[in-house]
PDB file of N, CA and C in Angstrom:
ATOM      1  N   MET A   1      57.733 129.711 112.618  1.00  0.00           N
ATOM      2  CA  MET A   1      58.656 129.938 113.921  1.00  0.00           C
ATOM      3  C   MET A   1      60.159 129.835 113.496  1.00  0.00           C
ATOM      4  N   GLU A   2      60.720 130.677 114.061  1.00  0.00           N
ATOM      5  CA  GLU A   2      62.032 130.558 113.918  1.00  0.00           C
ATOM      6  C   GLU A   2      62.868 129.819 115.056  1.00  0.00           C
ATOM      7  N   LYS A   3      63.723 128.914 114.597  1.00  0.00           N
ATOM      8  CA  LYS A   3      64.338 128.114 115.748  1.00  0.00           C
ATOM      9  C   LYS A   3      65.198 128.841 116.600  1.00  0.00           C
ATOM     10  N   GLN A   4      65.444 128.259 117.710  1.00  0.00           N
ATOM     11  CA  GLN A   4      66.324 128.787 118.663  1.00  0.00           C
ATOM     12  C   GLN A   4      67.721 128.083 118.747  1.00  0.00           C
ATOM     13  N   TYR A   5      68.777 128.802 118.714  1.00  0.00           N
ATOM     14  CA  TYR A   5      69.952 128.160 118.503  1.00  0.00           C
ATOM     15  C   TYR A   5      70.959 128.451 119.964  1.00  0.00           C
ATOM     16  N   THR A   6      70.527 127.638 120.711  1.00  0.00           N
ATOM     17  CA  THR A   6      71.354 127.995 122.132  1.00  0.00           C
ATOM     18  C   THR A   6      72.544 127.296 122.053  1.00  0.00           C
ATOM     19  N   GLU A   7      73.621 127.494 123.062  1.00  0.00           N
ATOM     20  CA  GLU A   7      74.740 126.597 123.357  1.00  0.00           C
ATOM     21  C   GLU A   7      74.170 125.198 123.532  1.00  0.00           C
ATOM     22  N   LEU A   8      73.148 124.722 124.173  1.00  0.00           N
ATOM     23  CA  LEU A   8      72.832 123.503 124.285  1.00  0.00           C
ATOM     24  C   LEU A   8      72.484 122.626 122.964  1.00  0.00           C
ATOM     25  N   THR A   9      71.687 123.551 122.206  1.00  0.00           N
ATOM     26  CA  THR A   9      71.002 123.093 120.864  1.00  0.00           C
ATOM     27  C   THR A   9      72.256 122.835 119.909  1.00  0.00           C
ATOM     28  N   MET A  10      73.116 123.699 120.062  1.00  0.00           N
ATOM     29  CA  MET A  10      74.529 123.537 118.990  1.00  0.00           C
ATOM     30  C   MET A  10      75.303 122.091 119.514  1.00  0.00           C
ATOM     31  N   GLU A  11      75.376 121.986 120.928  1.00  0.00           N
ATOM     32  CA  GLU A  11      75.916 120.787 121.283  1.00  0.00           C
ATOM     33  C   GLU A  11      75.294 119.613 120.906  1.00  0.00           C
ATOM     34  N   LEU A  12      73.825 119.481 121.069  1.00  0.00           N
ATOM     35  CA  LEU A  12      73.192 118.483 120.821  1.00  0.00           C
ATOM     36  C   LEU A  12      73.147 117.952 119.181  1.00  0.00           C
ATOM     37  N   ILE A  13      73.233 119.210 118.390  1.00  0.00           N
ATOM     38  CA  ILE A  13      73.356 118.839 116.919  1.00  0.00           C
ATOM     39  C   ILE A  13      74.743 118.205 116.848  1.00  0.00           C
ATOM     40  N   LYS A  14      75.760 118.664 117.304  1.00  0.00           N
ATOM     41  CA  LYS A  14      77.039 118.100 117.149  1.00  0.00           C
ATOM     42  C   LYS A  14      76.948 116.690 117.699  1.00  0.00           C
ATOM     43  N   ALA A  15      76.517 116.412 118.856  1.00  0.00           N
ATOM     44  CA  ALA A  15      76.681 115.153 119.314  1.00  0.00           C
ATOM     45  C   ALA A  15      75.570 114.048 118.387  1.00  0.00           C
ATOM     46  N   LEU A  16      74.703 114.557 117.963  1.00  0.00           N
ATOM     47  CA  LEU A  16      73.955 113.692 117.292  1.00  0.00           C
ATOM     48  C   LEU A  16      74.711 113.295 115.793  1.00  0.00           C
ATOM     49  N   ALA A  17      75.347 114.489 115.310  1.00  0.00           N
ATOM     50  CA  ALA A  17      76.059 114.215 113.982  1.00  0.00           C
ATOM     51  C   ALA A  17      77.147 113.304 114.258  1.00  0.00           C
ATOM     52  N   TYR A  18      77.705 113.158 115.561  1.00  0.00           N
ATOM     53  CA  TYR A  18      78.611 112.171 115.654  1.00  0.00           C
ATOM     54  C   TYR A  18      78.199 110.834 115.890  1.00  0.00           C
ATOM     55  N   GLY A  19      77.081 110.805 116.038  1.00  0.00           N
ATOM     56  CA  GLY A  19      76.342 109.411 115.869  1.00  0.00           C
ATOM     57  C   GLY A  19      75.906 108.876 117.435  1.00  0.00           C
ATOM     58  N   LEU A  20      75.689 109.768 118.401  1.00  0.00           N
ATOM     59  CA  LEU A  20      75.117 109.517 119.581  1.00  0.00           C
ATOM     60  C   LEU A  20      73.553 108.965 119.176  1.00  0.00           C
ATOM     61  N   THR A  21      73.129 108.056 120.077  1.00  0.00           N
ATOM     62  CA  THR A  21      71.927 107.670 119.931  1.00  0.00           C
ATOM     63  C   THR A  21      70.930 108.626 120.695  1.00  0.00           C
ATOM     64  N   ASP A  22      69.683 108.704 120.597  1.00  0.00           N
ATOM     65  CA  ASP A  22      68.674 109.513 121.365  1.00  0.00           C
ATOM     66  C   ASP A  22      69.006 109.179 123.117  1.00  0.00           C
ATOM     67  N   GLU A  23      68.894 108.087 123.319  1.00  0.00           N
ATOM     68  CA  GLU A  23      69.188 107.294 124.574  1.00  0.00           C
ATOM     69  C   GLU A  23      70.431 107.989 125.224  1.00  0.00           C
ATOM     70  N   GLU A  24      71.446 107.721 124.580  1.00  0.00           N
ATOM     71  CA  GLU A  24      72.861 108.252 124.795  1.00  0.00           C
ATOM     72  C   GLU A  24      72.729 109.879 125.260  1.00  0.00           C
ATOM     73  N   ALA A  25      72.120 110.591 124.236  1.00  0.00           N
ATOM     74  CA  ALA A  25      72.035 112.139 124.011  1.00  0.00           C
ATOM     75  C   ALA A  25      71.348 112.377 125.457  1.00  0.00           C
ATOM     76  N   VAL A  26      70.450 111.813 125.869  1.00  0.00           N
ATOM     77  CA  VAL A  26      69.756 112.598 126.950  1.00  0.00           C
ATOM     78  C   VAL A  26      70.161 111.922 128.441  1.00  0.00           C
ATOM     79  N   GLU A  27      71.235 111.502 128.446  1.00  0.00           N
ATOM     80  CA  GLU A  27      71.750 110.867 129.816  1.00  0.00           C
ATOM     81  C   GLU A  27      72.251 112.099 130.567  1.00  0.00           C
ATOM     82  N   ASP A  28      72.660 113.040 130.001  1.00  0.00           N
ATOM     83  CA  ASP A  28      73.210 114.224 130.598  1.00  0.00           C
ATOM     84  C   ASP A  28      72.275 115.550 130.622  1.00  0.00           C
ATOM     85  N   GLU A  29      71.200 115.301 129.782  1.00  0.00           N
ATOM     86  CA  GLU A  29      70.395 116.396 129.933  1.00  0.00           C
ATOM     87  C   GLU A  29      68.878 116.180 130.341  1.00  0.00           C
ATOM     88  N   ASP A  30      68.352 117.274 130.722  1.00  0.00           N
ATOM     89  CA  ASP A  30      67.018 117.300 131.425  1.00  0.00           C
ATOM     90  C   ASP A  30      66.093 117.084 129.989  1.00  0.00           C
ATOM     91  N   MET A  31      66.052 115.947 129.329  1.00  0.00           N
ATOM     92  CA  MET A  31      65.102 115.676 128.314  1.00  0.00           C
ATOM     93  C   MET A  31      64.676 114.273 128.581  1.00  0.00           C
ATOM     94  N   THR A  32      63.638 113.961 127.806  1.00  0.00           N
ATOM     95  CA  THR A  32      63.247 112.281 127.606  1.00  0.00           C
ATOM     96  C   THR A  32      63.783 112.095 126.448  1.00  0.00           C
ATOM     97  N   VAL A  33      63.605 110.710 126.128  1.00  0.00           N
ATOM     98  CA  VAL A  33      63.928 110.165 124.826  1.00  0.00           C
ATOM     99  C   VAL A  33      62.968 110.539 123.716  1.00  0.00           C
ATOM    100  N   GLU A  34      61.879 110.807 124.073  1.00  0.00           N
ATOM    101  CA  GLU A  34      60.804 111.364 123.179  1.00  0.00           C
ATOM    102  C   GLU A  34      61.079 112.752 122.879  1.00  0.00           C
ATOM    103  N   GLU A  35      61.400 113.736 123.782  1.00  0.00           N
ATOM    104  CA  GLU A  35      61.667 114.877 123.536  1.00  0.00           C
ATOM    105  C   GLU A  35      62.956 114.838 122.448  1.00  0.00           C
ATOM    106  N   MET A  36      63.950 114.097 122.746  1.00  0.00           N
ATOM    107  CA  MET A  36      65.140 114.044 121.924  1.00  0.00           C
ATOM    108  C   MET A  36      64.706 113.639 120.385  1.00  0.00           C
ATOM    109  N   LYS A  37      63.858 112.662 120.269  1.00  0.00           N
ATOM    110  CA  LYS A  37      63.300 112.316 118.820  1.00  0.00           C
ATOM    111  C   LYS A  37      62.730 113.350 118.323  1.00  0.00           C
ATOM    112  N   GLN A  38      61.865 114.115 118.851  1.00  0.00           N
ATOM    113  CA  GLN A  38      61.271 115.387 118.485  1.00  0.00           C
ATOM    114  C   GLN A  38      62.415 116.540 118.061  1.00  0.00           C
ATOM    115  N   PHE A  39      63.668 116.545 118.867  1.00  0.00           N
ATOM    116  CA  PHE A  39      64.698 117.421 118.428  1.00  0.00           C
ATOM    117  C   PHE A  39      65.273 117.212 117.204  1.00  0.00           C
ATOM    118  N   ARG A  40      65.649 115.659 117.173  1.00  0.00           N
ATOM    119  CA  ARG A  40      66.331 115.201 116.055  1.00  0.00           C
ATOM    120  C   ARG A  40      65.205 115.362 114.632  1.00  0.00           C
ATOM    121  N   LEU A  41      64.015 115.169 114.933  1.00  0.00           N
ATOM    122  CA  LEU A  41      63.428 115.801 113.511  1.00  0.00           C
ATOM    123  C   LEU A  41      63.244 117.154 113.326  1.00  0.00           C
ATOM    124  N   GLU A  42      63.201 117.987 114.360  1.00  0.00           N
ATOM    125  CA  GLU A  42      63.234 119.568 114.196  1.00  0.00           C
ATOM    126  C   GLU A  42      64.460 120.092 113.602  1.00  0.00           C
ATOM    127  N   TYR A  43      65.533 119.355 113.983  1.00  0.00           N
ATOM    128  CA  TYR A  43      66.932 119.884 113.567  1.00  0.00           C
ATOM    129  C   TYR A  43      67.733 118.891 112.673  1.00  0.00           C
ATOM    130  N   ALA A  44      66.780 118.135 111.801  1.00  0.00           N
ATOM    131  CA  ALA A  44      67.534 117.040 110.937  1.00  0.00           C
ATOM    132  C   ALA A  44      68.242 117.903 109.806  1.00  0.00           C
ATOM    133  N   GLU A  45      67.733 118.932 109.441  1.00  0.00           N
ATOM    134  CA  GLU A  45      68.853 119.434 108.460  1.00  0.00           C
ATOM    135  C   GLU A  45      70.202 120.193 108.869  1.00  0.00           C
ATOM    136  N   GLU A  46      69.871 120.468 110.075  1.00  0.00           N
ATOM    137  CA  GLU A  46      71.329 121.133 110.802  1.00  0.00           C
ATOM    138  C   GLU A  46      72.204 119.926 111.181  1.00  0.00           C
ATOM    139  N   ILE A  47      71.699 118.666 111.575  1.00  0.00           N
ATOM    140  CA  ILE A  47      72.266 117.571 111.969  1.00  0.00           C
ATOM    141  C   ILE A  47      73.164 117.062 110.773  1.00  0.00           C
ATOM    142  N   ALA A  48      72.267 116.939 109.517  1.00  0.00           N
ATOM    143  CA  ALA A  48      72.996 116.428 108.432  1.00  0.00           C
ATOM    144  C   ALA A  48      73.863 117.322 107.747  1.00  0.00           C
ATOM    145  N   GLU A  49      73.742 118.623 107.874  1.00  0.00           N
ATOM    146  CA  GLU A  49      74.999 119.682 107.425  1.00  0.00           C
ATOM    147  C   GLU A  49      76.006 119.270 108.303  1.00  0.00           C
ATOM    148  N   ARG A  50      76.107 119.094 109.647  1.00  0.00           N
ATOM    149  CA  ARG A  50      77.219 119.070 110.310  1.00  0.00           C
ATOM    150  C   ARG A  50      77.745 117.741 110.008  1.00  0.00           C
ATOM    151  N   VAL A  51      76.940 116.384 109.907  1.00  0.00           N
ATOM    152  CA  VAL A  51      77.599 115.249 109.335  1.00  0.00           C
ATOM    153  C   VAL A  51      78.415 115.432 108.223  1.00  0.00           C
ATOM    154  N   GLU A  52      77.857 116.330 107.231  1.00  0.00           N
ATOM    155  CA  GLU A  52      78.827 116.631 106.030  1.00  0.00           C
ATOM    156  C   GLU A  52      80.068 117.438 106.289  1.00  0.00           C
ATOM    157  N   GLU A  53      79.957 118.516 107.284  1.00  0.00           N
ATOM    158  CA  GLU A  53      81.035 118.923 107.554  1.00  0.00           C
ATOM    159  C   GLU A  53      82.234 118.238 108.328  1.00  0.00           C
ATOM    160  N   LEU A  54      81.689 117.048 109.232  1.00  0.00           N
ATOM    161  CA  LEU A  54      82.434 116.448 109.828  1.00  0.00           C
ATOM    162  C   LEU A  54      83.324 115.437 109.017  1.00  0.00           C
ATOM    163  N   LYS A  55      82.590 114.789 108.182  1.00  0.00           N
ATOM    164  CA  LYS A  55      83.146 113.882 107.178  1.00  0.00           C
ATOM    165  C   LYS A  55      84.170 114.570 106.255  1.00  0.00           C
ATOM    166  N   GLY A  56      83.762 115.851 105.844  1.00  0.00           N
ATOM    167  CA  GLY A  56      84.812 116.488 104.882  1.00  0.00           C
ATOM    168  C   GLY A  56      86.069 116.967 105.607  1.00  0.00           C
ATOM    169  N   ALA A  57      85.920 117.111 106.975  1.00  0.00           N
ATOM    170  CA  ALA A  57      87.094 117.122 108.036  1.00  0.00           C
ATOM    171  C   ALA A  57      87.793 115.963 108.248  1.00  0.00           C
ATOM    172  N   GLY A  58      87.364 114.966 107.874  1.00  0.00           N
ATOM    173  CA  GLY A  58      87.808 113.675 108.392  1.00  0.00           C
ATOM    174  C   GLY A  58      87.599 113.162 109.754  1.00  0.00           C
ATOM    175  N   PHE A  59      86.647 113.832 110.346  1.00  0.00           N
ATOM    176  CA  PHE A  59      86.387 113.240 111.820  1.00  0.00           C
ATOM    177  C   PHE A  59      85.346 112.397 111.919  1.00  0.00           C
ATOM    178  N   ILE A  60      84.861 111.981 110.994  1.00  0.00           N
ATOM    179  CA  ILE A  60      83.841 110.550 111.024  1.00  0.00           C
ATOM    180  C   ILE A  60      83.903 109.979 109.381  1.00  0.00           C
ATOM    181  N   ASP A  61      83.642 108.894 109.265  1.00  0.00           N
ATOM    182  CA  ASP A  61      83.503 108.170 107.674  1.00  0.00           C
ATOM    183  C   ASP A  61      82.161 108.462 107.253  1.00  0.00           C
TER     184      ASP A  61
END
């Protein structure tokens, strides 16, 4: 199954890459913590890639 990359998906990937916890990430979204945990697993590769991009650009350590 192909993944859906909506604006929300991309924003969540970025937020998680910056280090937001699952609890923090769902505060402004219509998701449960359990759904966010599943999202984190499903998009783990994309989150890791974004972390490396942010590190390379000096935005995070």
